[in-house]
Amino acid sequence: MLLPGLLLVVLSALVSLAVTFVVMRNAEYLQVMANPNARSSHVRPTPSGGGLGIVAGGGLAALSTSLSTPWPTLLVLAAGLVMAAIGFLDDRKPVPATYRLAAQLGLAGILAALCVPIGQLTAGIGLPLPGFVVLMLCVFGTVYWVNIFNFMDGIDGIAASEAAFMLGGAALLAVVSHPVLVEQPVFWWLAATAAAAAAFLVLNWAPAKIFMGDAGSTFLGFIIAFFALATVALGWLSLWQWLILGALFAADATVTLLRRLRLGEKLFEAHRRHAYQRLSRRWRSHARATGLYIAINLVWLLPLAALAGDRLFGVLVAIVAYTPVVVFMLRTGAGRPEETQR
């Protein structure tokens, strides 16, 4: 399975890059040109919707997996494609937030109820919770994460690099602990989706030639949520490892959200007040801000995630991982009104 798996990883990356290039060349025809406005982090019209390349690369990996693991792979893929389609429509013309949220809740419900073994997940989490409570937590946690990932896609390279890190890091941690996973098709689906996200960076790194758009960010958020739930249920990784891998996005988005909530603002209104956006303006560089997030992921969060496999010890490691990250977000001014930024 090793050689076919590696070939799938390479093929998914190539498909992702090729489809992204096609979207970039046909952005005006597809009506996905992103024009700058007062809340944008870019200054010139730029093609968007490039996340369709990641959808294609990740979708190819899922279809390959379905040959040996048809259930629930095809259902997860179908739900992910619906999520991407809604995102693509939103890239072309804004879809009302209430409609998007309703669709996300429905798709997350399908994921939790039909695609994840709740009993195994409950055992994997290690908390004495009723199955129904765990299911509801999965639904709302998935929707929250999808929106976090979408909100955090605001400067060149940041969302694709985060997805590649989380999925690639999860694959690495899982196979180091369980080498036999190289024989599992789902493992290669995970690795190939990471490769599809990484390949997108060729055209999305600053200065970006194309943006991911909601089609890619919502798809990735949904697929990452699935892999997190599935690998915890299968015993490949702990919940704490996934929480640590996603700490930068979770902390930045949550601190920003709480500050905006305290100010009584409309939470679905676009803004430029995440920590990474402030850093990119302060340094006048998307690449430096994204590079800093990559460095924190690799130097701080990945080693700690490697230590968090034990369910009890993992809680302590997660606290250690999050504490300086949250302090960093607060000191950077995440969520603070722009006029008060120092």
Foldseek 3Di string as FASTA:
>chain_A
DQVVLVVLLVVLLVQLLVQLVVCLVCQVVLQQWDADDPFALDHHTAREQSLVSLLSSLLSLLVVQCVPVVPPSVVLNVLLQVQLVQQSVCSNPNDDPVVNLVSLLVSQLCCLPGRFDLVLLCVLLPDPDDSVVSSVCSSVVLSVQLVLLVLPQHFFPQSLLLLLQLLVLLLVLLCVVPVVCSVRSVSSSSSSSSSSSVSSSVQRHPVHNYGHTSSNSSSSSNVSSSVLRRCSSVLSAHNLLSCLSCQLSVLQSVVLQVLCVVVVHDSPDRHQQGLLSLVCVVVVHNNVSSVVVSCCNVPQRSVLSSVLRDSVVSVVSSCVSNVVSNVSRVVSGRNNPPVPGD
